[in-house]
Amino acid sequence: MSNAPISADSHIVEPPGCYVDHIDPKWRDVAPRVEKNAKGVDAFVIDGLVNPIPIGLLAAAGIPSSGLIAARRHSFDQINPAAFDPLLETQQLLCANLRTTKGLAILTLRRSFLIPDLDWF
């Protein structure tokens, strides 16, 4: 029997083109997308959500609280590769239940009626 741990709640950060590159073309203009915000930082923009979500905050696991302000400014190419590469995320595990970070958040928002009209999701 293996002593390797099992993760029941692993998350990966979706790559910038995850939704716009793979969604039905009729929904591309409202699909979640990554844009540079006013400070030049990559952030997920989601229709119906007022504030874009900085990618650096989605990949903040393992960063001490003193480093979170700096992490907030990280673009996709600056975050830890384990945040988006499922093989790096799970290499020391026996098995893992992987979830997308933004996909889960979008579903939660839809179910809570904060964004009631997401027909594409």
C-alpha atoms as a PDB file:
ATOM      1  CA  MET A   1       0.000   0.000   0.000  1.00  0.00           C
ATOM      2  CA  SER A   2       1.275   3.470  -0.885  1.00  0.00           C
ATOM      3  CA  ASN A   3       1.877   6.177   1.681  1.00  0.00           C
ATOM      4  CA  ALA A   4       1.451   8.900  -0.950  1.00  0.00           C
ATOM      5  CA  PRO A   5      -1.220  11.458  -0.066  1.00  0.00           C
ATOM      6  CA  ILE A   6      -4.522  11.881  -1.893  1.00  0.00           C
ATOM      7  CA  SER A   7      -5.844  15.355  -2.654  1.00  0.00           C
ATOM      8  CA  ALA A   8      -9.598  15.739  -2.636  1.00  0.00           C
ATOM      9  CA  ASP A   9      -9.531  19.434  -3.511  1.00  0.00           C
ATOM     10  CA  SER A  10      -6.744  20.482  -5.889  1.00  0.00           C
ATOM     11  CA  HIS A  11      -7.182  23.546  -8.076  1.00  0.00           C
ATOM     12  CA  ILE A  12      -5.428  24.674 -11.229  1.00  0.00           C
ATOM     13  CA  VAL A  13      -5.528  28.166 -12.725  1.00  0.00           C
ATOM     14  CA  GLU A  14      -6.942  28.081 -16.226  1.00  0.00           C
ATOM     15  CA  PRO A  15      -4.633  29.409 -18.947  1.00  0.00           C
ATOM     16  CA  PRO A  16      -5.589  32.827 -20.355  1.00  0.00           C
ATOM     17  CA  GLY A  17      -7.256  31.442 -23.504  1.00  0.00           C
ATOM     18  CA  CYS A  18      -9.003  28.522 -21.835  1.00  0.00           C
ATOM     19  CA  TYR A  19     -12.536  29.801 -22.371  1.00  0.00           C
ATOM     20  CA  VAL A  20     -12.306  32.026 -25.443  1.00  0.00           C
ATOM     21  CA  ASP A  21     -10.293  29.455 -27.397  1.00  0.00           C
ATOM     22  CA  HIS A  22     -12.599  26.526 -26.709  1.00  0.00           C
ATOM     23  CA  ILE A  23     -16.123  27.892 -26.342  1.00  0.00           C
ATOM     24  CA  ASP A  24     -18.776  27.893 -29.049  1.00  0.00           C
ATOM     25  CA  PRO A  25     -18.040  30.986 -31.193  1.00  0.00           C
ATOM     26  CA  LYS A  26     -21.461  32.486 -30.497  1.00  0.00           C
ATOM     27  CA  TRP A  27     -20.456  32.904 -26.817  1.00  0.00           C
ATOM     28  CA  ARG A  28     -16.870  34.177 -27.276  1.00  0.00           C
ATOM     29  CA  ASP A  29     -17.734  37.819 -26.677  1.00  0.00           C
ATOM     30  CA  VAL A  30     -19.075  37.005 -23.175  1.00  0.00           C
ATOM     31  CA  ALA A  31     -16.717  34.163 -22.230  1.00  0.00           C
ATOM     32  CA  PRO A  32     -14.325  34.698 -19.312  1.00  0.00           C
ATOM     33  CA  ARG A  33     -11.128  36.156 -20.669  1.00  0.00           C
ATOM     34  CA  VAL A  34      -7.808  37.490 -19.488  1.00  0.00           C
ATOM     35  CA  GLU A  35      -7.061  41.146 -20.086  1.00  0.00           C
ATOM     36  CA  LYS A  36      -4.393  43.491 -18.789  1.00  0.00           C
ATOM     37  CA  ASN A  37      -5.953  45.751 -16.178  1.00  0.00           C
ATOM     38  CA  ALA A  38      -5.108  49.449 -15.728  1.00  0.00           C
ATOM     39  CA  LYS A  39      -1.922  48.461 -13.855  1.00  0.00           C
ATOM     40  CA  GLY A  40      -0.796  46.119 -16.638  1.00  0.00           C
ATOM     41  CA  VAL A  41      -1.605  42.969 -14.677  1.00  0.00           C
ATOM     42  CA  ASP A  42      -3.321  39.893 -16.163  1.00  0.00           C
ATOM     43  CA  ALA A  43      -6.818  39.572 -14.715  1.00  0.00           C
ATOM     44  CA  PHE A  44      -9.804  37.347 -15.488  1.00  0.00           C
ATOM     45  CA  VAL A  45     -12.713  39.440 -16.757  1.00  0.00           C
ATOM     46  CA  ILE A  46     -16.094  37.787 -16.302  1.00  0.00           C
ATOM     47  CA  ASP A  47     -19.255  39.354 -17.718  1.00  0.00           C
ATOM     48  CA  GLY A  48     -21.530  40.380 -14.862  1.00  0.00           C
ATOM     49  CA  LEU A  49     -18.712  40.523 -12.309  1.00  0.00           C
ATOM     50  CA  VAL A  50     -17.725  44.116 -11.513  1.00  0.00           C
ATOM     51  CA  ASN A  51     -14.076  43.580 -10.558  1.00  0.00           C
ATOM     52  CA  PRO A  52     -11.672  41.532 -12.679  1.00  0.00           C
ATOM     53  CA  ILE A  53      -9.762  38.909 -10.698  1.00  0.00           C
ATOM     54  CA  PRO A  54      -5.954  39.222 -10.801  1.00  0.00           C
ATOM     55  CA  ILE A  55      -4.364  35.939 -11.880  1.00  0.00           C
ATOM     56  CA  GLY A  56      -1.659  36.333  -9.241  1.00  0.00           C
ATOM     57  CA  LEU A  57      -4.248  36.008  -6.478  1.00  0.00           C
ATOM     58  CA  LEU A  58      -5.593  32.788  -7.977  1.00  0.00           C
ATOM     59  CA  ALA A  59      -2.120  31.272  -7.697  1.00  0.00           C
ATOM     60  CA  ALA A  60      -1.303  32.480  -4.191  1.00  0.00           C
ATOM     61  CA  ALA A  61      -1.095  29.062  -2.524  1.00  0.00           C
ATOM     62  CA  GLY A  62       2.188  28.736  -0.662  1.00  0.00           C
ATOM     63  CA  ILE A  63       2.897  32.463  -0.706  1.00  0.00           C
ATOM     64  CA  PRO A  64       3.239  33.961   2.781  1.00  0.00           C
ATOM     65  CA  SER A  65       0.714  36.665   3.635  1.00  0.00           C
ATOM     66  CA  SER A  66       3.511  39.233   3.493  1.00  0.00           C
ATOM     67  CA  GLY A  67       3.942  38.431  -0.215  1.00  0.00           C
ATOM     68  CA  LEU A  68       0.292  38.574  -1.297  1.00  0.00           C
ATOM     69  CA  ILE A  69       0.351  42.218  -2.357  1.00  0.00           C
ATOM     70  CA  ALA A  70       3.280  41.520  -4.671  1.00  0.00           C
ATOM     71  CA  ALA A  71       1.634  38.278  -5.913  1.00  0.00           C
ATOM     72  CA  ARG A  72      -1.462  40.257  -6.862  1.00  0.00           C
ATOM     73  CA  ARG A  73       0.653  41.951  -9.547  1.00  0.00           C
ATOM     74  CA  HIS A  74       1.887  38.701 -11.107  1.00  0.00           C
ATOM     75  CA  SER A  75       0.823  37.933 -14.655  1.00  0.00           C
ATOM     76  CA  PHE A  76       0.240  34.399 -15.918  1.00  0.00           C
ATOM     77  CA  ASP A  77       3.848  33.965 -17.021  1.00  0.00           C
ATOM     78  CA  GLN A  78       5.068  34.887 -13.506  1.00  0.00           C
ATOM     79  CA  ILE A  79       3.003  32.497 -11.397  1.00  0.00           C
ATOM     80  CA  ASN A  80       4.293  29.180 -10.114  1.00  0.00           C
ATOM     81  CA  PRO A  81       3.911  26.583 -12.918  1.00  0.00           C
ATOM     82  CA  ALA A  82       2.323  24.189 -10.411  1.00  0.00           C
ATOM     83  CA  ALA A  83      -0.664  26.576 -10.365  1.00  0.00           C
ATOM     84  CA  PHE A  84      -1.614  25.649 -13.932  1.00  0.00           C
ATOM     85  CA  ASP A  85       0.203  22.400 -14.768  1.00  0.00           C
ATOM     86  CA  PRO A  86      -1.776  19.423 -13.423  1.00  0.00           C
ATOM     87  CA  LEU A  87       1.293  17.181 -13.623  1.00  0.00           C
ATOM     88  CA  LEU A  88       3.278  19.478 -11.340  1.00  0.00           C
ATOM     89  CA  GLU A  89       0.292  19.882  -9.032  1.00  0.00           C
ATOM     90  CA  THR A  90      -0.122  16.146  -8.583  1.00  0.00           C
ATOM     91  CA  GLN A  91       3.346  14.631  -9.031  1.00  0.00           C
ATOM     92  CA  GLN A  92       3.764  13.693  -5.359  1.00  0.00           C
ATOM     93  CA  LEU A  93       0.196  12.458  -4.953  1.00  0.00           C
ATOM     94  CA  LEU A  94      -1.317   9.009  -5.318  1.00  0.00           C
ATOM     95  CA  CYS A  95      -4.372  10.656  -6.925  1.00  0.00           C
ATOM     96  CA  ALA A  96      -6.119  14.023  -7.019  1.00  0.00           C
ATOM     97  CA  ASN A  97      -9.491  15.555  -7.709  1.00  0.00           C
ATOM     98  CA  LEU A  98      -8.531  18.534  -9.903  1.00  0.00           C
ATOM     99  CA  ARG A  99     -10.849  21.508 -10.305  1.00  0.00           C
ATOM    100  CA  THR A 100     -10.542  24.650 -12.354  1.00  0.00           C
ATOM    101  CA  THR A 101     -10.238  27.761 -10.235  1.00  0.00           C
ATOM    102  CA  LYS A 102     -12.354  30.187 -12.270  1.00  0.00           C
ATOM    103  CA  GLY A 103     -14.817  27.586 -13.540  1.00  0.00           C
ATOM    104  CA  LEU A 104     -15.735  26.715  -9.981  1.00  0.00           C
ATOM    105  CA  ALA A 105     -16.082  30.385  -9.045  1.00  0.00           C
ATOM    106  CA  ILE A 106     -18.305  31.102 -12.054  1.00  0.00           C
ATOM    107  CA  LEU A 107     -20.581  28.197 -11.203  1.00  0.00           C
ATOM    108  CA  THR A 108     -20.781  29.394  -7.587  1.00  0.00           C
ATOM    109  CA  LEU A 109     -21.683  32.924  -8.712  1.00  0.00           C
ATOM    110  CA  ARG A 110     -24.344  31.621 -11.061  1.00  0.00           C
ATOM    111  CA  ARG A 111     -25.910  29.430  -8.397  1.00  0.00           C
ATOM    112  CA  SER A 112     -25.916  32.289  -5.917  1.00  0.00           C
ATOM    113  CA  PHE A 113     -27.681  34.486  -8.490  1.00  0.00           C
ATOM    114  CA  LEU A 114     -24.917  37.085  -8.372  1.00  0.00           C
ATOM    115  CA  ILE A 115     -24.635  36.499 -12.110  1.00  0.00           C
ATOM    116  CA  PRO A 116     -28.013  35.019 -13.054  1.00  0.00           C
ATOM    117  CA  ASP A 117     -27.713  35.199 -16.836  1.00  0.00           C
ATOM    118  CA  LEU A 118     -24.853  32.940 -17.885  1.00  0.00           C
ATOM    119  CA  ASP A 119     -26.527  31.010 -20.668  1.00  0.00           C
ATOM    120  CA  TRP A 120     -23.173  29.926 -22.098  1.00  0.00           C
ATOM    121  CA  PHE A 121     -22.134  28.100 -18.896  1.00  0.00           C
END
